């Protein structure tokens, strides 16, 4: 077990590294709180509003994998990663996971970075959460806020699909090979006809013959089994 979530994502805003995955480690909030803090929908409603109104608030689909503290791979479709930078040159990184309730959609705060932010949360708990999230939604005090969302399927899921695809391909190749094999009497396992012990000809005229059950008379030389 580790204390961190590992997020692998593309960084399209970095033109020199737009095709390579970057890994970001975030400190699990379970190390600070007894359970992951639940964030009310109002925070995300305000964030969505800022995304529409301000150019320094942006949305990018770039998350490709999320691995938890127990090396477990998560379904990335329920996660968002918020990356912010304020006018005091401080960085904020938060990993949120959406949770479906009966009638509403909420989210938990799963992890954060940098470590200094973790120390602040450990000292002030809920008050630190409220103040920090309020700051993120203040366009005048933030230089930028990026909401990073999942891009397609996770790397782990793509690898699983690739393995399944390879198995299906091998199965198709095997089926194609069977179709190319000679098909005797319309059966994959041919019904072997007996040979006459006297003239050694294959006896094919007798239908329904089963070795050891019936007497056999050769239609060519007249030999008859006892």
C-alpha atoms as a PDB file:
ATOM      1  CA  UNK A   1       0.000   0.000   0.000  1.00  0.00           C
ATOM      2  CA  UNK A   2       1.093   3.576  -0.669  1.00  0.00           C
ATOM      3  CA  UNK A   3      -0.341   6.924   0.385  1.00  0.00           C
ATOM      4  CA  UNK A   4      -0.837   8.176  -3.163  1.00  0.00           C
ATOM      5  CA  UNK A   5      -3.048   8.054  -6.219  1.00  0.00           C
ATOM      6  CA  UNK A   6      -1.180   7.990  -9.513  1.00  0.00           C
ATOM      7  CA  UNK A   7      -2.799   9.795 -12.428  1.00  0.00           C
ATOM      8  CA  UNK A   8      -1.485   9.326 -15.958  1.00  0.00           C
ATOM      9  CA  UNK A   9      -2.575  11.950 -18.448  1.00  0.00           C
ATOM     10  CA  UNK A  10      -1.679  13.758 -21.630  1.00  0.00           C
ATOM     11  CA  UNK A  11      -0.588  17.382 -21.397  1.00  0.00           C
ATOM     12  CA  UNK A  12      -1.907  18.986 -24.609  1.00  0.00           C
ATOM     13  CA  UNK A  13      -1.109  22.455 -23.274  1.00  0.00           C
ATOM     14  CA  UNK A  14       2.585  21.465 -23.408  1.00  0.00           C
ATOM     15  CA  UNK A  15       3.349  21.517 -27.152  1.00  0.00           C
ATOM     16  CA  UNK A  16       6.697  19.761 -26.607  1.00  0.00           C
ATOM     17  CA  UNK A  17       5.116  16.864 -24.733  1.00  0.00           C
ATOM     18  CA  UNK A  18       1.642  16.579 -26.213  1.00  0.00           C
ATOM     19  CA  UNK A  19       1.924  12.905 -27.240  1.00  0.00           C
ATOM     20  CA  UNK A  20       3.522  11.447 -24.113  1.00  0.00           C
ATOM     21  CA  UNK A  21       1.813  10.545 -20.865  1.00  0.00           C
ATOM     22  CA  UNK A  22       2.732  12.443 -17.713  1.00  0.00           C
ATOM     23  CA  UNK A  23       2.347  10.902 -14.257  1.00  0.00           C
ATOM     24  CA  UNK A  24       1.139  12.964 -11.308  1.00  0.00           C
ATOM     25  CA  UNK A  25       1.124  11.687  -7.717  1.00  0.00           C
ATOM     26  CA  UNK A  26      -1.567  12.971  -5.359  1.00  0.00           C
ATOM     27  CA  UNK A  27      -1.793  12.392  -1.616  1.00  0.00           C
ATOM     28  CA  UNK A  28      -4.828  10.314  -0.594  1.00  0.00           C
ATOM     29  CA  UNK A  29      -7.300  12.213   1.599  1.00  0.00           C
ATOM     30  CA  UNK A  30      -7.970   9.009   3.498  1.00  0.00           C
ATOM     31  CA  UNK A  31      -4.687   9.664   5.290  1.00  0.00           C
ATOM     32  CA  UNK A  32      -6.092  12.932   6.655  1.00  0.00           C
ATOM     33  CA  UNK A  33      -9.813  12.235   7.122  1.00  0.00           C
ATOM     34  CA  UNK A  34     -11.530   9.079   8.351  1.00  0.00           C
ATOM     35  CA  UNK A  35     -13.419   8.985   5.062  1.00  0.00           C
ATOM     36  CA  UNK A  36     -13.167  10.893   1.791  1.00  0.00           C
ATOM     37  CA  UNK A  37     -14.784  14.359   2.111  1.00  0.00           C
ATOM     38  CA  UNK A  38     -18.025  14.797   0.158  1.00  0.00           C
ATOM     39  CA  UNK A  39     -18.154  17.945  -1.996  1.00  0.00           C
ATOM     40  CA  UNK A  40     -21.557  19.492  -2.621  1.00  0.00           C
ATOM     41  CA  UNK A  41     -22.818  19.999  -6.214  1.00  0.00           C
ATOM     42  CA  UNK A  42     -22.814  23.799  -5.800  1.00  0.00           C
ATOM     43  CA  UNK A  43     -19.019  23.874  -6.116  1.00  0.00           C
ATOM     44  CA  UNK A  44     -19.179  22.139  -9.499  1.00  0.00           C
ATOM     45  CA  UNK A  45     -22.090  24.306 -10.657  1.00  0.00           C
ATOM     46  CA  UNK A  46     -20.043  27.437  -9.940  1.00  0.00           C
ATOM     47  CA  UNK A  47     -17.006  25.887 -11.641  1.00  0.00           C
ATOM     48  CA  UNK A  48     -19.060  25.080 -14.736  1.00  0.00           C
ATOM     49  CA  UNK A  49     -20.315  28.655 -14.820  1.00  0.00           C
ATOM     50  CA  UNK A  50     -16.732  29.967 -14.721  1.00  0.00           C
ATOM     51  CA  UNK A  51     -15.780  27.609 -17.558  1.00  0.00           C
ATOM     52  CA  UNK A  52     -18.356  29.338 -19.756  1.00  0.00           C
ATOM     53  CA  UNK A  53     -17.497  32.873 -18.697  1.00  0.00           C
ATOM     54  CA  UNK A  54     -13.702  33.044 -18.437  1.00  0.00           C
ATOM     55  CA  UNK A  55     -10.932  32.066 -20.815  1.00  0.00           C
ATOM     56  CA  UNK A  56      -8.508  31.189 -18.020  1.00  0.00           C
ATOM     57  CA  UNK A  57     -10.931  28.465 -16.924  1.00  0.00           C
ATOM     58  CA  UNK A  58     -10.654  25.517 -19.312  1.00  0.00           C
ATOM     59  CA  UNK A  59     -11.778  21.927 -19.844  1.00  0.00           C
ATOM     60  CA  UNK A  60      -9.523  19.257 -21.398  1.00  0.00           C
ATOM     61  CA  UNK A  61     -10.073  15.519 -21.886  1.00  0.00           C
ATOM     62  CA  UNK A  62      -6.702  13.943 -21.179  1.00  0.00           C
ATOM     63  CA  UNK A  63      -6.841  11.447 -18.260  1.00  0.00           C
ATOM     64  CA  UNK A  64      -5.813   7.927 -19.330  1.00  0.00           C
ATOM     65  CA  UNK A  65      -5.246   5.983 -16.113  1.00  0.00           C
ATOM     66  CA  UNK A  66      -5.826   6.235 -12.363  1.00  0.00           C
ATOM     67  CA  UNK A  67      -4.149   3.816  -9.946  1.00  0.00           C
ATOM     68  CA  UNK A  68      -5.089   3.871  -6.258  1.00  0.00           C
ATOM     69  CA  UNK A  69      -2.995   3.350  -3.109  1.00  0.00           C
ATOM     70  CA  UNK A  70      -3.547  -0.427  -3.297  1.00  0.00           C
ATOM     71  CA  UNK A  71      -2.385  -0.573  -6.949  1.00  0.00           C
ATOM     72  CA  UNK A  72      -6.016  -0.875  -8.031  1.00  0.00           C
ATOM     73  CA  UNK A  73      -7.012   0.447 -11.453  1.00  0.00           C
ATOM     74  CA  UNK A  74     -10.070   2.697 -11.448  1.00  0.00           C
ATOM     75  CA  UNK A  75     -12.698   3.306 -14.086  1.00  0.00           C
ATOM     76  CA  UNK A  76     -11.576   6.762 -15.153  1.00  0.00           C
ATOM     77  CA  UNK A  77     -15.040   7.798 -16.374  1.00  0.00           C
ATOM     78  CA  UNK A  78     -16.097   8.940 -12.886  1.00  0.00           C
ATOM     79  CA  UNK A  79     -13.044  11.129 -12.184  1.00  0.00           C
ATOM     80  CA  UNK A  80     -12.038  14.749 -12.745  1.00  0.00           C
ATOM     81  CA  UNK A  81      -8.692  16.329 -11.964  1.00  0.00           C
ATOM     82  CA  UNK A  82      -8.658  20.056 -11.187  1.00  0.00           C
ATOM     83  CA  UNK A  83      -5.379  21.884 -11.657  1.00  0.00           C
ATOM     84  CA  UNK A  84      -5.161  25.519 -10.563  1.00  0.00           C
ATOM     85  CA  UNK A  85      -2.620  28.304 -10.125  1.00  0.00           C
ATOM     86  CA  UNK A  86      -3.392  31.436  -8.109  1.00  0.00           C
ATOM     87  CA  UNK A  87      -2.098  35.002  -8.089  1.00  0.00           C
ATOM     88  CA  UNK A  88       0.299  34.110  -5.249  1.00  0.00           C
ATOM     89  CA  UNK A  89       1.991  31.519  -7.507  1.00  0.00           C
ATOM     90  CA  UNK A  90       0.581  28.594  -5.541  1.00  0.00           C
ATOM     91  CA  UNK A  91      -0.387  25.322  -7.253  1.00  0.00           C
ATOM     92  CA  UNK A  92      -3.557  23.371  -6.474  1.00  0.00           C
ATOM     93  CA  UNK A  93      -4.209  19.839  -7.695  1.00  0.00           C
ATOM     94  CA  UNK A  94      -7.344  17.925  -6.712  1.00  0.00           C
ATOM     95  CA  UNK A  95      -8.704  14.537  -7.775  1.00  0.00           C
ATOM     96  CA  UNK A  96     -12.485  14.209  -7.531  1.00  0.00           C
ATOM     97  CA  UNK A  97     -14.613  11.107  -8.004  1.00  0.00           C
ATOM     98  CA  UNK A  98     -18.317  11.375  -8.806  1.00  0.00           C
ATOM     99  CA  UNK A  99     -20.666   9.233  -6.749  1.00  0.00           C
ATOM    100  CA  UNK A 100     -24.251   8.497  -7.710  1.00  0.00           C
ATOM    101  CA  UNK A 101     -26.865   8.816  -4.994  1.00  0.00           C
ATOM    102  CA  UNK A 102     -30.585   8.074  -5.327  1.00  0.00           C
ATOM    103  CA  UNK A 103     -31.553  11.472  -6.700  1.00  0.00           C
ATOM    104  CA  UNK A 104     -28.390  13.569  -6.866  1.00  0.00           C
ATOM    105  CA  UNK A 105     -24.837  13.343  -8.121  1.00  0.00           C
ATOM    106  CA  UNK A 106     -22.166  14.305  -5.634  1.00  0.00           C
ATOM    107  CA  UNK A 107     -18.418  13.901  -5.591  1.00  0.00           C
ATOM    108  CA  UNK A 108     -15.755  12.980  -3.100  1.00  0.00           C
ATOM    109  CA  UNK A 109     -12.365  14.629  -2.816  1.00  0.00           C
ATOM    110  CA  UNK A 110     -10.045  11.639  -3.225  1.00  0.00           C
ATOM    111  CA  UNK A 111      -6.548  13.147  -3.335  1.00  0.00           C
ATOM    112  CA  UNK A 112      -4.531  16.350  -3.580  1.00  0.00           C
ATOM    113  CA  UNK A 113      -1.122  17.856  -4.258  1.00  0.00           C
ATOM    114  CA  UNK A 114       1.360  19.413  -3.558  1.00  0.00           C
ATOM    115  CA  UNK A 115       2.419  18.108  -0.093  1.00  0.00           C
ATOM    116  CA  UNK A 116       2.185  21.600   1.459  1.00  0.00           C
ATOM    117  CA  UNK A 117      -1.519  21.592   0.667  1.00  0.00           C
ATOM    118  CA  UNK A 118      -1.855  18.257   2.440  1.00  0.00           C
ATOM    119  CA  UNK A 119      -0.287  19.761   5.571  1.00  0.00           C
ATOM    120  CA  UNK A 120      -2.774  22.642   5.417  1.00  0.00           C
ATOM    121  CA  UNK A 121      -5.728  20.244   5.142  1.00  0.00           C
ATOM    122  CA  UNK A 122      -4.392  18.091   7.955  1.00  0.00           C
ATOM    123  CA  UNK A 123      -4.190  21.118  10.246  1.00  0.00           C
ATOM    124  CA  UNK A 124      -7.452  22.899   9.396  1.00  0.00           C
ATOM    125  CA  UNK A 125      -9.585  20.020   7.968  1.00  0.00           C
ATOM    126  CA  UNK A 126     -13.027  21.159   6.739  1.00  0.00           C
ATOM    127  CA  UNK A 127     -12.190  24.862   7.006  1.00  0.00           C
ATOM    128  CA  UNK A 128      -9.232  24.362   4.651  1.00  0.00           C
ATOM    129  CA  UNK A 129     -11.451  22.560   2.133  1.00  0.00           C
ATOM    130  CA  UNK A 130     -14.034  25.339   2.135  1.00  0.00           C
ATOM    131  CA  UNK A 131     -11.503  28.145   1.732  1.00  0.00           C
ATOM    132  CA  UNK A 132      -9.505  26.400  -0.970  1.00  0.00           C
ATOM    133  CA  UNK A 133     -12.482  25.435  -3.105  1.00  0.00           C
ATOM    134  CA  UNK A 134     -13.896  28.944  -2.735  1.00  0.00           C
ATOM    135  CA  UNK A 135     -10.566  30.308  -3.969  1.00  0.00           C
ATOM    136  CA  UNK A 136     -10.651  28.019  -7.029  1.00  0.00           C
ATOM    137  CA  UNK A 137     -13.964  29.550  -8.059  1.00  0.00           C
ATOM    138  CA  UNK A 138     -12.703  33.114  -7.698  1.00  0.00           C
ATOM    139  CA  UNK A 139     -11.697  34.256 -11.235  1.00  0.00           C
ATOM    140  CA  UNK A 140      -9.964  37.383  -9.919  1.00  0.00           C
ATOM    141  CA  UNK A 141      -7.544  35.430  -7.723  1.00  0.00           C
ATOM    142  CA  UNK A 142      -6.815  32.495 -10.037  1.00  0.00           C
ATOM    143  CA  UNK A 143      -4.365  32.778 -12.936  1.00  0.00           C
ATOM    144  CA  UNK A 144      -5.799  29.611 -14.434  1.00  0.00           C
ATOM    145  CA  UNK A 145      -7.982  26.648 -13.544  1.00  0.00           C
ATOM    146  CA  UNK A 146      -8.011  23.529 -15.728  1.00  0.00           C
ATOM    147  CA  UNK A 147     -10.604  20.807 -15.364  1.00  0.00           C
ATOM    148  CA  UNK A 148      -9.018  17.628 -16.693  1.00  0.00           C
ATOM    149  CA  UNK A 149     -11.458  14.907 -17.723  1.00  0.00           C
ATOM    150  CA  UNK A 150     -11.132  11.300 -18.948  1.00  0.00           C
ATOM    151  CA  UNK A 151     -10.176  10.694 -22.556  1.00  0.00           C
ATOM    152  CA  UNK A 152     -11.833   7.558 -23.915  1.00  0.00           C
ATOM    153  CA  UNK A 153     -11.084   4.298 -22.126  1.00  0.00           C
ATOM    154  CA  UNK A 154      -8.327   3.873 -19.574  1.00  0.00           C
ATOM    155  CA  UNK A 155      -5.017   2.310 -20.576  1.00  0.00           C
ATOM    156  CA  UNK A 156      -5.822  -0.722 -18.407  1.00  0.00           C
ATOM    157  CA  UNK A 157      -9.197  -1.226 -20.118  1.00  0.00           C
ATOM    158  CA  UNK A 158      -7.641  -0.805 -23.564  1.00  0.00           C
ATOM    159  CA  UNK A 159      -5.070  -3.490 -22.706  1.00  0.00           C
ATOM    160  CA  UNK A 160      -7.826  -5.873 -21.580  1.00  0.00           C
ATOM    161  CA  UNK A 161      -9.777  -5.266 -24.789  1.00  0.00           C
ATOM    162  CA  UNK A 162      -6.592  -5.842 -26.799  1.00  0.00           C
ATOM    163  CA  UNK A 163      -6.017  -9.195 -25.082  1.00  0.00           C
ATOM    164  CA  UNK A 164      -9.614 -10.236 -25.700  1.00  0.00           C
ATOM    165  CA  UNK A 165      -9.268  -9.095 -29.316  1.00  0.00           C
ATOM    166  CA  UNK A 166      -6.166 -11.247 -29.768  1.00  0.00           C
ATOM    167  CA  UNK A 167      -7.992 -14.290 -28.386  1.00  0.00           C
ATOM    168  CA  UNK A 168     -10.917 -13.678 -30.744  1.00  0.00           C
ATOM    169  CA  UNK A 169      -8.475 -13.329 -33.641  1.00  0.00           C
ATOM    170  CA  UNK A 170      -6.818 -16.644 -32.780  1.00  0.00           C
ATOM    171  CA  UNK A 171     -10.246 -18.257 -32.590  1.00  0.00           C
ATOM    172  CA  UNK A 172     -11.135 -16.878 -36.022  1.00  0.00           C
ATOM    173  CA  UNK A 173      -7.852 -18.186 -37.430  1.00  0.00           C
ATOM    174  CA  UNK A 174      -8.585 -21.624 -35.950  1.00  0.00           C
ATOM    175  CA  UNK A 175     -12.103 -21.654 -37.408  1.00  0.00           C
ATOM    176  CA  UNK A 176     -10.706 -20.655 -40.800  1.00  0.00           C
ATOM    177  CA  UNK A 177      -8.200 -23.506 -40.578  1.00  0.00           C
ATOM    178  CA  UNK A 178     -11.001 -25.993 -39.860  1.00  0.00           C
ATOM    179  CA  UNK A 179     -12.919 -24.782 -42.891  1.00  0.00           C
ATOM    180  CA  UNK A 180      -9.885 -25.433 -45.077  1.00  0.00           C
ATOM    181  CA  UNK A 181      -9.454 -29.015 -43.817  1.00  0.00           C
ATOM    182  CA  UNK A 182     -10.917 -31.854 -45.956  1.00  0.00           C
ATOM    183  CA  UNK A 183     -14.393 -32.656 -44.733  1.00  0.00           C
ATOM    184  CA  UNK A 184     -15.057 -36.397 -45.114  1.00  0.00           C
ATOM    185  CA  UNK A 185     -18.728 -37.412 -45.394  1.00  0.00           C
ATOM    186  CA  UNK A 186     -19.753 -34.031 -44.016  1.00  0.00           C
ATOM    187  CA  UNK A 187     -18.262 -34.724 -40.567  1.00  0.00           C
ATOM    188  CA  UNK A 188     -15.303 -33.185 -38.762  1.00  0.00           C
ATOM    189  CA  UNK A 189     -14.429 -36.610 -37.356  1.00  0.00           C
ATOM    190  CA  UNK A 190     -14.786 -39.049 -40.282  1.00  0.00           C
ATOM    191  CA  UNK A 191     -16.583 -42.346 -39.896  1.00  0.00           C
ATOM    192  CA  UNK A 192     -13.775 -44.760 -40.677  1.00  0.00           C
ATOM    193  CA  UNK A 193     -14.768 -47.513 -43.140  1.00  0.00           C
ATOM    194  CA  UNK A 194     -13.233 -50.962 -42.620  1.00  0.00           C
ATOM    195  CA  UNK A 195     -10.771 -52.708 -44.982  1.00  0.00           C
ATOM    196  CA  UNK A 196     -11.294 -56.284 -46.208  1.00  0.00           C
ATOM    197  CA  UNK A 197      -8.680 -58.582 -44.570  1.00  0.00           C
ATOM    198  CA  UNK A 198      -8.507 -60.617 -47.797  1.00  0.00           C
ATOM    199  CA  UNK A 199      -8.321 -58.097 -50.691  1.00  0.00           C
ATOM    200  CA  UNK A 200      -7.489 -55.048 -48.563  1.00  0.00           C
ATOM    201  CA  UNK A 201     -10.089 -52.871 -50.309  1.00  0.00           C
ATOM    202  CA  UNK A 202     -11.989 -50.193 -48.387  1.00  0.00           C
ATOM    203  CA  UNK A 203     -15.577 -51.280 -47.939  1.00  0.00           C
ATOM    204  CA  UNK A 204     -17.724 -48.176 -48.418  1.00  0.00           C
ATOM    205  CA  UNK A 205     -20.962 -49.692 -49.690  1.00  0.00           C
ATOM    206  CA  UNK A 206     -22.173 -50.920 -46.304  1.00  0.00           C
ATOM    207  CA  UNK A 207     -23.924 -48.077 -44.443  1.00  0.00           C
ATOM    208  CA  UNK A 208     -24.217 -47.953 -40.694  1.00  0.00           C
ATOM    209  CA  UNK A 209     -21.347 -50.383 -40.187  1.00  0.00           C
ATOM    210  CA  UNK A 210     -19.859 -50.397 -36.701  1.00  0.00           C
ATOM    211  CA  UNK A 211     -16.704 -52.333 -36.037  1.00  0.00           C
ATOM    212  CA  UNK A 212     -17.222 -55.313 -33.738  1.00  0.00           C
ATOM    213  CA  UNK A 213     -21.025 -55.239 -33.804  1.00  0.00           C
ATOM    214  CA  UNK A 214     -21.985 -56.778 -37.164  1.00  0.00           C
ATOM    215  CA  UNK A 215     -20.786 -59.537 -39.433  1.00  0.00           C
ATOM    216  CA  UNK A 216     -19.120 -58.204 -42.545  1.00  0.00           C
ATOM    217  CA  UNK A 217     -19.075 -59.613 -46.102  1.00  0.00           C
ATOM    218  CA  UNK A 218     -16.760 -58.049 -48.680  1.00  0.00           C
ATOM    219  CA  UNK A 219     -18.680 -57.104 -51.851  1.00  0.00           C
ATOM    220  CA  UNK A 220     -15.491 -57.445 -53.914  1.00  0.00           C
ATOM    221  CA  UNK A 221     -14.007 -60.859 -53.037  1.00  0.00           C
ATOM    222  CA  UNK A 222     -16.804 -62.402 -50.963  1.00  0.00           C
ATOM    223  CA  UNK A 223     -14.739 -62.681 -47.765  1.00  0.00           C
ATOM    224  CA  UNK A 224     -16.944 -62.822 -44.676  1.00  0.00           C
ATOM    225  CA  UNK A 225     -16.010 -62.170 -41.064  1.00  0.00           C
ATOM    226  CA  UNK A 226     -17.021 -64.699 -38.436  1.00  0.00           C
END
